[in-house]
């Protein structure tokens, strides 16, 4: 289609479909060229991500990371060393728990290795000595069931009937 075909009348459904697709994607007055490229790129990224997610990757891609290169063990030590050199006051406040335990940035990695070994040895969590939280006071009324409401109504009516006869007698005596 050239640039002028979008003005021509449409005769069949197939031509209408082609023309409508063409109008939405390529009509320069409606959509800028850069936005078309951005839309196409984002769509291609989504398609590629979905393809990678659904299709199994070759073996080298799925290799587990080696123990030396794991970030979790070295991240704390690196940030502790950097803070200790740059801002000692901040280091004291951020890593105060480690300092109380006598751990230096170099020994953090060894401590985490010991912790992971201990967790693997006994994976079930230990019960804490905390007491369960107390029951909070309920400010809104508890919703009653049908039977409870029925019983309350019967009790109120019985109480009203029991006291109702005595009140009527007092009024008759006054007349």
N, C-alpha and C. Protein backbone atom coordinates (compact mmCIF):
# COMPACT_ATOMS: atom_id res chain seq x y z
N UNK A 1 0.84 -1.18 0.00
CA UNK A 1 0.00 0.00 0.00
C UNK A 1 0.88 1.24 0.00
N UNK A 2 0.50 2.19 -0.79
CA UNK A 2 1.24 3.44 -0.76
C UNK A 2 0.57 4.40 0.22
N UNK A 3 1.06 5.58 0.35
CA UNK A 3 0.58 6.51 1.35
C UNK A 3 -0.82 7.04 1.10
N UNK A 4 -1.39 6.90 -0.09
CA UNK A 4 -2.70 7.47 -0.39
C UNK A 4 -3.83 6.46 -0.31
N UNK A 5 -3.56 5.18 -0.14
CA UNK A 5 -4.61 4.17 -0.18
C UNK A 5 -5.53 4.22 1.02
N UNK A 6 -5.16 4.82 2.08
CA UNK A 6 -6.02 4.85 3.25
C UNK A 6 -7.22 5.76 3.05
N UNK A 7 -7.18 6.63 2.03
CA UNK A 7 -8.32 7.49 1.72
C UNK A 7 -9.36 6.82 0.84
N UNK A 8 -9.01 5.73 0.15
CA UNK A 8 -9.91 5.07 -0.79
C UNK A 8 -11.00 4.31 -0.05
N UNK A 9 -12.20 4.16 -0.66
CA UNK A 9 -13.27 3.37 -0.03
C UNK A 9 -12.90 1.90 0.00
N UNK A 10 -13.43 1.18 1.01
CA UNK A 10 -13.11 -0.23 1.21
C UNK A 10 -14.29 -1.06 0.74
N UNK A 11 -14.03 -2.11 -0.09
CA UNK A 11 -15.11 -2.91 -0.67
C UNK A 11 -15.38 -4.20 0.09
N UNK A 12 -14.38 -4.89 0.55
CA UNK A 12 -14.61 -6.19 1.20
C UNK A 12 -14.02 -6.19 2.61
N UNK A 13 -14.38 -7.25 3.36
CA UNK A 13 -13.88 -7.36 4.73
C UNK A 13 -12.37 -7.55 4.77
N UNK A 14 -11.86 -8.32 3.80
CA UNK A 14 -10.41 -8.55 3.76
C UNK A 14 -9.67 -7.25 3.51
N UNK A 15 -10.19 -6.45 2.57
CA UNK A 15 -9.55 -5.17 2.30
C UNK A 15 -9.67 -4.26 3.52
N UNK A 16 -10.83 -4.34 4.21
CA UNK A 16 -11.03 -3.51 5.39
C UNK A 16 -10.02 -3.87 6.48
N UNK A 17 -9.80 -5.17 6.67
CA UNK A 17 -8.85 -5.62 7.68
C UNK A 17 -7.44 -5.14 7.34
N UNK A 18 -7.06 -5.31 6.08
CA UNK A 18 -5.72 -4.86 5.68
C UNK A 18 -5.59 -3.35 5.85
N UNK A 19 -6.61 -2.63 5.43
CA UNK A 19 -6.55 -1.18 5.50
C UNK A 19 -6.55 -0.70 6.95
N UNK A 20 -7.35 -1.33 7.80
CA UNK A 20 -7.41 -0.87 9.19
C UNK A 20 -6.09 -1.16 9.90
N UNK A 21 -5.48 -2.32 9.63
CA UNK A 21 -4.18 -2.61 10.22
C UNK A 21 -3.15 -1.61 9.75
N UNK A 22 -3.19 -1.32 8.46
CA UNK A 22 -2.23 -0.39 7.88
C UNK A 22 -2.43 1.01 8.45
N UNK A 23 -3.69 1.40 8.61
CA UNK A 23 -3.98 2.75 9.12
C UNK A 23 -3.45 2.91 10.55
N UNK A 24 -3.65 1.88 11.39
CA UNK A 24 -3.25 2.01 12.79
C UNK A 24 -1.73 1.98 12.95
N UNK A 25 -1.06 1.26 12.08
CA UNK A 25 0.38 1.10 12.26
C UNK A 25 1.18 2.14 11.49
N UNK A 26 0.78 2.46 10.27
CA UNK A 26 1.65 3.25 9.42
C UNK A 26 1.17 4.65 9.10
N UNK A 27 -0.01 5.06 9.51
CA UNK A 27 -0.49 6.40 9.17
C UNK A 27 0.34 7.43 9.93
N UNK A 28 1.10 8.26 9.24
CA UNK A 28 2.03 9.15 9.91
C UNK A 28 1.35 10.24 10.74
N UNK A 29 0.14 10.66 10.37
CA UNK A 29 -0.50 11.74 11.12
C UNK A 29 -0.99 11.26 12.48
N UNK A 30 -1.26 9.95 12.64
CA UNK A 30 -1.76 9.44 13.91
C UNK A 30 -0.63 9.04 14.85
N UNK A 31 0.40 8.43 14.32
CA UNK A 31 1.47 7.89 15.16
C UNK A 31 2.81 8.38 14.63
N UNK A 32 3.67 8.80 15.54
CA UNK A 32 5.01 9.22 15.16
C UNK A 32 5.87 8.00 14.84
N UNK A 33 6.86 8.17 13.97
CA UNK A 33 7.74 7.06 13.60
C UNK A 33 8.51 6.53 14.81
N UNK A 34 8.96 7.41 15.68
CA UNK A 34 9.73 6.96 16.84
C UNK A 34 8.87 6.13 17.78
N UNK A 35 7.59 6.49 17.92
CA UNK A 35 6.73 5.72 18.82
C UNK A 35 6.44 4.34 18.23
N UNK A 36 6.41 4.24 16.90
CA UNK A 36 6.23 2.92 16.26
C UNK A 36 7.42 2.04 16.59
N UNK A 37 8.62 2.60 16.47
CA UNK A 37 9.82 1.83 16.77
C UNK A 37 9.85 1.40 18.23
N UNK A 38 9.47 2.29 19.12
CA UNK A 38 9.46 1.96 20.55
C UNK A 38 8.45 0.86 20.82
N UNK A 39 7.27 0.97 20.21
CA UNK A 39 6.24 -0.05 20.41
C UNK A 39 6.71 -1.40 19.88
N UNK A 40 7.31 -1.38 18.69
CA UNK A 40 7.80 -2.64 18.12
C UNK A 40 8.91 -3.24 18.99
N UNK A 41 9.82 -2.40 19.46
CA UNK A 41 10.91 -2.90 20.29
C UNK A 41 10.39 -3.51 21.59
N UNK A 42 9.44 -2.83 22.23
CA UNK A 42 8.91 -3.37 23.48
C UNK A 42 8.15 -4.66 23.23
N UNK A 43 7.43 -4.73 22.10
CA UNK A 43 6.72 -5.97 21.77
C UNK A 43 7.71 -7.09 21.52
N UNK A 44 8.77 -6.82 20.77
CA UNK A 44 9.78 -7.84 20.51
C UNK A 44 10.46 -8.30 21.80
N UNK A 45 10.70 -7.37 22.72
CA UNK A 45 11.30 -7.74 24.00
C UNK A 45 10.37 -8.67 24.78
N UNK A 46 9.07 -8.36 24.76
CA UNK A 46 8.12 -9.23 25.45
C UNK A 46 8.08 -10.61 24.82
N UNK A 47 8.07 -10.67 23.50
CA UNK A 47 8.03 -11.96 22.81
C UNK A 47 9.29 -12.75 23.13
N UNK A 48 10.44 -12.10 23.08
CA UNK A 48 11.69 -12.79 23.36
C UNK A 48 11.74 -13.27 24.81
N UNK A 49 11.27 -12.46 25.73
CA UNK A 49 11.27 -12.87 27.14
C UNK A 49 10.37 -14.08 27.33
N UNK A 50 9.22 -14.07 26.69
CA UNK A 50 8.30 -15.20 26.81
C UNK A 50 8.92 -16.45 26.18
N UNK A 51 9.65 -16.28 25.06
CA UNK A 51 10.28 -17.41 24.41
C UNK A 51 11.35 -18.01 25.32
N UNK A 52 12.15 -17.16 25.93
CA UNK A 52 13.21 -17.64 26.82
C UNK A 52 12.59 -18.34 28.02
N UNK A 53 11.46 -17.80 28.50
CA UNK A 53 10.80 -18.37 29.66
C UNK A 53 10.23 -19.75 29.36
N UNK A 54 9.70 -19.96 28.16
CA UNK A 54 9.02 -21.20 27.83
C UNK A 54 9.94 -22.27 27.27
N UNK A 55 11.03 -21.88 26.62
CA UNK A 55 11.90 -22.85 25.97
C UNK A 55 13.09 -23.16 26.87
N UNK A 56 13.43 -24.43 27.03
CA UNK A 56 14.57 -24.75 27.88
C UNK A 56 15.87 -24.27 27.25
N UNK A 57 16.75 -23.79 28.09
CA UNK A 57 18.02 -23.27 27.61
C UNK A 57 19.04 -24.40 27.54
N UNK A 58 20.10 -24.22 26.79
CA UNK A 58 21.15 -25.24 26.74
C UNK A 58 21.85 -25.37 28.10
N UNK A 59 22.55 -26.44 28.29
CA UNK A 59 23.18 -26.77 29.57
C UNK A 59 24.09 -25.67 30.12
N UNK A 60 25.01 -25.08 29.33
CA UNK A 60 25.92 -24.10 29.92
C UNK A 60 25.18 -22.89 30.51
N UNK A 61 24.01 -22.56 29.96
CA UNK A 61 23.26 -21.42 30.44
C UNK A 61 22.70 -21.68 31.84
N UNK A 62 22.41 -22.93 32.16
CA UNK A 62 21.78 -23.27 33.43
C UNK A 62 22.76 -23.71 34.51
N UNK A 63 24.04 -23.46 34.35
CA UNK A 63 25.03 -23.85 35.35
C UNK A 63 24.77 -23.08 36.64
N UNK A 64 24.82 -23.77 37.79
CA UNK A 64 24.66 -23.03 39.05
C UNK A 64 25.91 -22.19 39.32
N UNK A 65 25.75 -21.08 39.99
CA UNK A 65 26.92 -20.24 40.26
C UNK A 65 27.86 -20.94 41.24
N UNK A 66 29.14 -20.69 41.07
CA UNK A 66 30.11 -21.30 41.97
C UNK A 66 30.06 -20.59 43.32
N UNK A 67 30.56 -21.25 44.35
CA UNK A 67 30.46 -20.70 45.71
C UNK A 67 31.27 -19.42 45.87
N UNK A 68 32.37 -19.30 45.13
CA UNK A 68 33.21 -18.12 45.28
C UNK A 68 32.53 -16.88 44.70
N UNK A 69 31.66 -17.08 43.72
CA UNK A 69 31.09 -15.93 43.02
C UNK A 69 29.71 -15.53 43.54
N UNK A 70 29.21 -16.17 44.57
CA UNK A 70 27.89 -15.78 45.06
C UNK A 70 27.97 -14.41 45.70
N UNK A 71 26.97 -13.61 45.42
CA UNK A 71 26.98 -12.23 45.86
C UNK A 71 26.61 -12.11 47.32
N UNK A 72 25.75 -12.98 47.80
CA UNK A 72 25.21 -12.84 49.15
C UNK A 72 26.30 -12.87 50.21
N UNK A 73 27.32 -13.67 50.02
CA UNK A 73 28.36 -13.81 51.04
C UNK A 73 29.30 -12.62 51.05
N UNK A 74 29.58 -12.06 49.89
CA UNK A 74 30.59 -11.02 49.80
C UNK A 74 30.01 -9.62 49.89
N UNK A 75 28.70 -9.49 49.68
CA UNK A 75 28.11 -8.16 49.63
C UNK A 75 28.25 -7.45 50.97
N UNK A 76 27.95 -8.12 52.07
CA UNK A 76 28.05 -7.49 53.38
C UNK A 76 29.46 -7.10 53.73
N UNK A 77 30.42 -7.95 53.39
CA UNK A 77 31.81 -7.66 53.70
C UNK A 77 32.31 -6.46 52.89
N UNK A 78 31.93 -6.40 51.62
CA UNK A 78 32.38 -5.28 50.79
C UNK A 78 31.82 -3.96 51.29
N UNK A 79 30.52 -3.95 51.60
CA UNK A 79 29.93 -2.69 52.06
C UNK A 79 30.48 -2.30 53.43
N UNK A 80 30.77 -3.28 54.28
CA UNK A 80 31.34 -2.97 55.59
C UNK A 80 32.74 -2.38 55.44
N UNK A 81 33.55 -2.95 54.56
CA UNK A 81 34.90 -2.42 54.35
C UNK A 81 34.85 -1.00 53.79
N UNK A 82 33.95 -0.79 52.82
CA UNK A 82 33.84 0.54 52.21
C UNK A 82 33.39 1.57 53.24
N UNK A 83 32.41 1.23 54.07
CA UNK A 83 31.95 2.16 55.09
C UNK A 83 33.01 2.41 56.15
N UNK A 84 33.75 1.38 56.50
CA UNK A 84 34.78 1.52 57.52
C UNK A 84 35.86 2.50 57.05
N UNK A 85 36.19 2.45 55.77
CA UNK A 85 37.22 3.35 55.25
C UNK A 85 36.69 4.76 55.05
N UNK A 86 35.46 4.87 54.49
CA UNK A 86 34.94 6.20 54.14
C UNK A 86 34.31 6.92 55.33
N UNK A 87 33.38 6.26 56.01
CA UNK A 87 32.64 6.91 57.09
C UNK A 87 32.59 5.99 58.32
N UNK A 88 33.56 6.13 59.21
CA UNK A 88 33.62 5.24 60.38
C UNK A 88 32.41 5.36 61.31
N UNK A 89 31.82 6.58 61.43
CA UNK A 89 30.66 6.74 62.31
C UNK A 89 29.47 5.95 61.78
N UNK A 90 29.27 6.02 60.48
CA UNK A 90 28.18 5.29 59.86
C UNK A 90 28.42 3.78 59.97
N UNK A 91 29.67 3.38 59.85
CA UNK A 91 30.02 1.97 60.00
C UNK A 91 29.66 1.49 61.40
N UNK A 92 29.95 2.31 62.40
CA UNK A 92 29.64 1.94 63.79
C UNK A 92 28.13 1.75 63.98
N UNK A 93 27.33 2.63 63.36
CA UNK A 93 25.88 2.53 63.56
C UNK A 93 25.26 1.40 62.74
N UNK A 94 25.68 1.23 61.50
CA UNK A 94 25.08 0.21 60.63
C UNK A 94 25.46 -1.21 61.05
N UNK A 95 26.69 -1.41 61.44
CA UNK A 95 27.17 -2.75 61.75
C UNK A 95 27.39 -2.93 63.26
N UNK A 96 26.58 -2.28 64.07
CA UNK A 96 26.76 -2.34 65.53
C UNK A 96 26.54 -3.75 66.06
N UNK A 97 25.61 -4.49 65.48
CA UNK A 97 25.35 -5.86 65.95
C UNK A 97 26.57 -6.74 65.69
N UNK A 98 27.16 -6.61 64.51
CA UNK A 98 28.35 -7.39 64.19
C UNK A 98 29.51 -7.01 65.12
N UNK A 99 29.63 -5.71 65.41
CA UNK A 99 30.72 -5.26 66.28
C UNK A 99 30.54 -5.79 67.70
N UNK A 100 29.29 -5.85 68.20
CA UNK A 100 29.05 -6.40 69.53
C UNK A 100 29.42 -7.87 69.60
N UNK A 101 29.21 -8.59 68.49
CA UNK A 101 29.56 -10.01 68.44
C UNK A 101 31.04 -10.23 68.16
N UNK A 102 31.78 -9.16 67.86
CA UNK A 102 33.21 -9.27 67.61
C UNK A 102 33.54 -9.70 66.20
N UNK A 103 32.66 -9.44 65.25
CA UNK A 103 32.89 -9.83 63.86
C UNK A 103 33.45 -8.66 63.07
N UNK A 104 34.49 -8.93 62.33
CA UNK A 104 35.07 -7.94 61.43
C UNK A 104 34.56 -8.22 60.01
N UNK A 105 34.72 -7.29 59.08
CA UNK A 105 34.23 -7.51 57.71
C UNK A 105 34.80 -8.77 57.06
N UNK A 106 36.04 -9.13 57.39
CA UNK A 106 36.63 -10.32 56.77
C UNK A 106 36.02 -11.61 57.31
N UNK A 107 35.52 -11.58 58.54
CA UNK A 107 34.99 -12.80 59.14
C UNK A 107 33.48 -12.98 58.89
N UNK A 108 32.84 -12.03 58.25
CA UNK A 108 31.40 -12.14 57.98
C UNK A 108 31.12 -13.32 57.06
N UNK A 109 31.95 -13.48 56.04
CA UNK A 109 31.74 -14.58 55.08
C UNK A 109 31.85 -15.94 55.79
N UNK A 110 32.83 -16.09 56.66
CA UNK A 110 32.99 -17.35 57.40
C UNK A 110 31.81 -17.60 58.32
N UNK A 111 31.31 -16.53 58.95
CA UNK A 111 30.16 -16.66 59.84
C UNK A 111 28.94 -17.16 59.06
N UNK A 112 28.71 -16.61 57.87
CA UNK A 112 27.57 -17.05 57.06
C UNK A 112 27.72 -18.51 56.62
N UNK A 113 28.95 -18.93 56.33
CA UNK A 113 29.17 -20.34 55.97
C UNK A 113 28.79 -21.24 57.14
N UNK A 114 29.20 -20.86 58.35
CA UNK A 114 28.85 -21.66 59.54
C UNK A 114 27.34 -21.69 59.76
N UNK A 115 26.69 -20.57 59.56
CA UNK A 115 25.24 -20.50 59.75
C UNK A 115 24.53 -21.41 58.76
N UNK A 116 24.96 -21.39 57.50
CA UNK A 116 24.32 -22.24 56.48
C UNK A 116 24.54 -23.72 56.78
N UNK A 117 25.72 -24.07 57.26
CA UNK A 117 25.97 -25.47 57.63
C UNK A 117 25.06 -25.88 58.78
N UNK A 118 24.90 -25.00 59.77
CA UNK A 118 24.03 -25.31 60.91
C UNK A 118 22.57 -25.44 60.47
N UNK A 119 22.14 -24.60 59.56
CA UNK A 119 20.75 -24.68 59.07
C UNK A 119 20.54 -25.98 58.31
N UNK A 120 21.50 -26.37 57.49
CA UNK A 120 21.36 -27.62 56.74
C UNK A 120 21.36 -28.82 57.68
N UNK A 121 22.08 -28.74 58.79
CA UNK A 121 22.12 -29.85 59.74
C UNK A 121 20.78 -30.01 60.45
N UNK A 122 20.15 -28.91 60.85
CA UNK A 122 18.85 -28.93 61.53
C UNK A 122 17.92 -27.94 60.83
N UNK A 123 17.26 -28.36 59.74
CA UNK A 123 16.47 -27.40 58.95
C UNK A 123 15.16 -26.96 59.59
N UNK A 124 14.65 -27.69 60.58
CA UNK A 124 13.38 -27.27 61.18
C UNK A 124 13.61 -26.06 62.08
N UNK A 125 12.73 -25.08 62.03
CA UNK A 125 12.94 -23.87 62.84
C UNK A 125 12.71 -24.15 64.32
N UNK A 126 13.43 -23.43 65.16
CA UNK A 126 13.28 -23.57 66.60
C UNK A 126 12.12 -22.71 67.07
N UNK A 127 11.43 -23.18 68.10
CA UNK A 127 10.34 -22.41 68.69
C UNK A 127 10.94 -21.29 69.54
N UNK A 128 10.37 -20.12 69.42
CA UNK A 128 10.86 -19.01 70.22
C UNK A 128 10.17 -19.02 71.57
N UNK A 129 10.78 -18.39 72.55
CA UNK A 129 10.24 -18.36 73.90
C UNK A 129 9.21 -17.26 74.09
N UNK A 130 8.80 -16.61 73.04
CA UNK A 130 7.84 -15.52 73.17
C UNK A 130 6.46 -16.05 73.54
N UNK A 131 5.74 -15.23 74.28
CA UNK A 131 4.36 -15.57 74.59
C UNK A 131 3.48 -15.15 73.42
N UNK A 132 2.37 -15.85 73.20
CA UNK A 132 1.49 -15.44 72.11
C UNK A 132 0.88 -14.07 72.40
N UNK A 133 0.54 -13.32 71.38
CA UNK A 133 -0.01 -11.98 71.61
C UNK A 133 -1.36 -12.06 72.32
N UNK A 134 -1.65 -11.06 73.15
CA UNK A 134 -2.89 -11.07 73.91
C UNK A 134 -4.07 -10.76 72.99
N UNK A 135 -5.25 -11.13 73.44
CA UNK A 135 -6.47 -10.84 72.69
C UNK A 135 -6.76 -9.35 72.81
N UNK A 136 -6.97 -8.70 71.70
CA UNK A 136 -7.28 -7.28 71.71
C UNK A 136 -8.76 -7.07 72.02
N UNK A 137 -9.05 -5.94 72.66
CA UNK A 137 -10.43 -5.63 72.99
C UNK A 137 -11.21 -5.37 71.71
N UNK A 138 -12.39 -5.91 71.66
CA UNK A 138 -13.22 -5.78 70.47
C UNK A 138 -14.19 -4.63 70.69
N UNK A 139 -14.10 -3.59 69.87
CA UNK A 139 -14.93 -2.41 70.04
C UNK A 139 -16.26 -2.51 69.29
N UNK A 140 -16.28 -3.27 68.22
CA UNK A 140 -17.55 -3.46 67.52
C UNK A 140 -18.20 -4.75 68.01
N UNK A 141 -19.51 -4.82 67.93
CA UNK A 141 -20.22 -5.99 68.44
C UNK A 141 -20.03 -7.18 67.53
N UNK A 142 -20.01 -8.34 68.15
CA UNK A 142 -19.87 -9.57 67.39
C UNK A 142 -21.20 -9.86 66.69
N UNK A 143 -21.13 -10.30 65.46
CA UNK A 143 -22.34 -10.60 64.70
C UNK A 143 -22.98 -11.88 65.26
N UNK A 144 -24.28 -11.81 65.56
CA UNK A 144 -24.97 -12.95 66.15
C UNK A 144 -25.58 -13.82 65.06
N UNK A 145 -25.66 -15.11 65.34
CA UNK A 145 -26.31 -16.02 64.40
C UNK A 145 -27.82 -15.89 64.54
N UNK A 146 -28.54 -16.52 63.65
CA UNK A 146 -30.00 -16.46 63.66
C UNK A 146 -30.54 -17.03 64.96
N UNK A 147 -29.99 -18.16 65.40
CA UNK A 147 -30.46 -18.80 66.63
C UNK A 147 -30.22 -17.90 67.84
N UNK A 148 -29.06 -17.26 67.91
CA UNK A 148 -28.76 -16.37 69.03
C UNK A 148 -29.70 -15.17 69.05
N UNK A 149 -29.98 -14.60 67.88
CA UNK A 149 -30.91 -13.47 67.82
C UNK A 149 -32.31 -13.89 68.24
N UNK A 150 -32.71 -15.06 67.82
CA UNK A 150 -34.03 -15.59 68.17
C UNK A 150 -34.13 -15.79 69.69
N UNK A 151 -33.10 -16.36 70.30
CA UNK A 151 -33.09 -16.57 71.75
C UNK A 151 -33.13 -15.25 72.51
N UNK A 152 -32.38 -14.26 72.04
CA UNK A 152 -32.38 -12.95 72.69
C UNK A 152 -33.75 -12.30 72.62
N UNK A 153 -34.41 -12.43 71.47
CA UNK A 153 -35.74 -11.85 71.31
C UNK A 153 -36.73 -12.52 72.26
N UNK A 154 -36.65 -13.84 72.37
CA UNK A 154 -37.56 -14.57 73.27
C UNK A 154 -37.32 -14.14 74.72
N UNK A 155 -36.05 -13.99 75.12
CA UNK A 155 -35.73 -13.56 76.48
C UNK A 155 -36.28 -12.15 76.75
N UNK A 156 -36.11 -11.24 75.79
CA UNK A 156 -36.62 -9.88 75.96
C UNK A 156 -38.14 -9.87 76.08
N UNK A 157 -38.80 -10.65 75.23
CA UNK A 157 -40.26 -10.70 75.28
C UNK A 157 -40.74 -11.30 76.60
N UNK A 158 -40.07 -12.35 77.07
CA UNK A 158 -40.44 -12.95 78.36
C UNK A 158 -40.24 -11.95 79.50
N UNK A 159 -39.13 -11.21 79.46
CA UNK A 159 -38.87 -10.21 80.50
C UNK A 159 -39.90 -9.10 80.43
N UNK A 160 -40.28 -8.69 79.23
CA UNK A 160 -41.28 -7.65 79.06
C UNK A 160 -42.64 -8.12 79.57
N UNK A 161 -43.00 -9.34 79.23
CA UNK A 161 -44.29 -9.89 79.67
C UNK A 161 -44.32 -10.05 81.19
N UNK A 162 -43.20 -10.44 81.78
CA UNK A 162 -43.15 -10.63 83.22
C UNK A 162 -43.29 -9.31 83.96
N UNK A 163 -42.67 -8.27 83.49
CA UNK A 163 -42.76 -6.96 84.15
C UNK A 163 -43.94 -6.15 83.65
N UNK A 164 -44.45 -6.47 82.50
CA UNK A 164 -45.54 -5.70 81.90
C UNK A 164 -46.82 -5.77 82.70
N UNK A 165 -47.14 -6.89 83.30
CA UNK A 165 -48.37 -7.04 84.07
C UNK A 165 -48.34 -6.20 85.32
N UNK A 166 -47.19 -6.06 85.97
CA UNK A 166 -47.08 -5.28 87.20
C UNK A 166 -47.23 -3.79 86.92
N UNK A 167 -46.72 -3.32 85.81
CA UNK A 167 -46.82 -1.90 85.48
C UNK A 167 -48.26 -1.52 85.20
N UNK A 168 -49.04 -2.39 84.55
CA UNK A 168 -50.42 -2.09 84.22
C UNK A 168 -51.27 -2.00 85.48
N UNK A 169 -50.98 -2.83 86.50
CA UNK A 169 -51.75 -2.81 87.74
C UNK A 169 -51.56 -1.49 88.48
N UNK A 170 -50.34 -0.95 88.46
CA UNK A 170 -50.07 0.30 89.15
C UNK A 170 -50.84 1.45 88.52
N UNK A 171 -50.95 1.44 87.21
CA UNK A 171 -51.65 2.51 86.51
C UNK A 171 -53.14 2.46 86.80
N UNK A 172 -53.74 1.27 86.93
CA UNK A 172 -55.17 1.14 87.20
C UNK A 172 -55.51 1.63 88.61
N UNK A 173 -54.59 1.43 89.54
CA UNK A 173 -54.84 1.87 90.90
C UNK A 173 -54.85 3.39 91.00
N UNK A 174 -54.06 4.05 90.15
CA UNK A 174 -53.99 5.51 90.19
C UNK A 174 -55.29 6.14 89.69
N UNK A 175 -56.04 5.47 88.83
CA UNK A 175 -57.27 6.06 88.28
C UNK A 175 -58.32 6.12 89.27
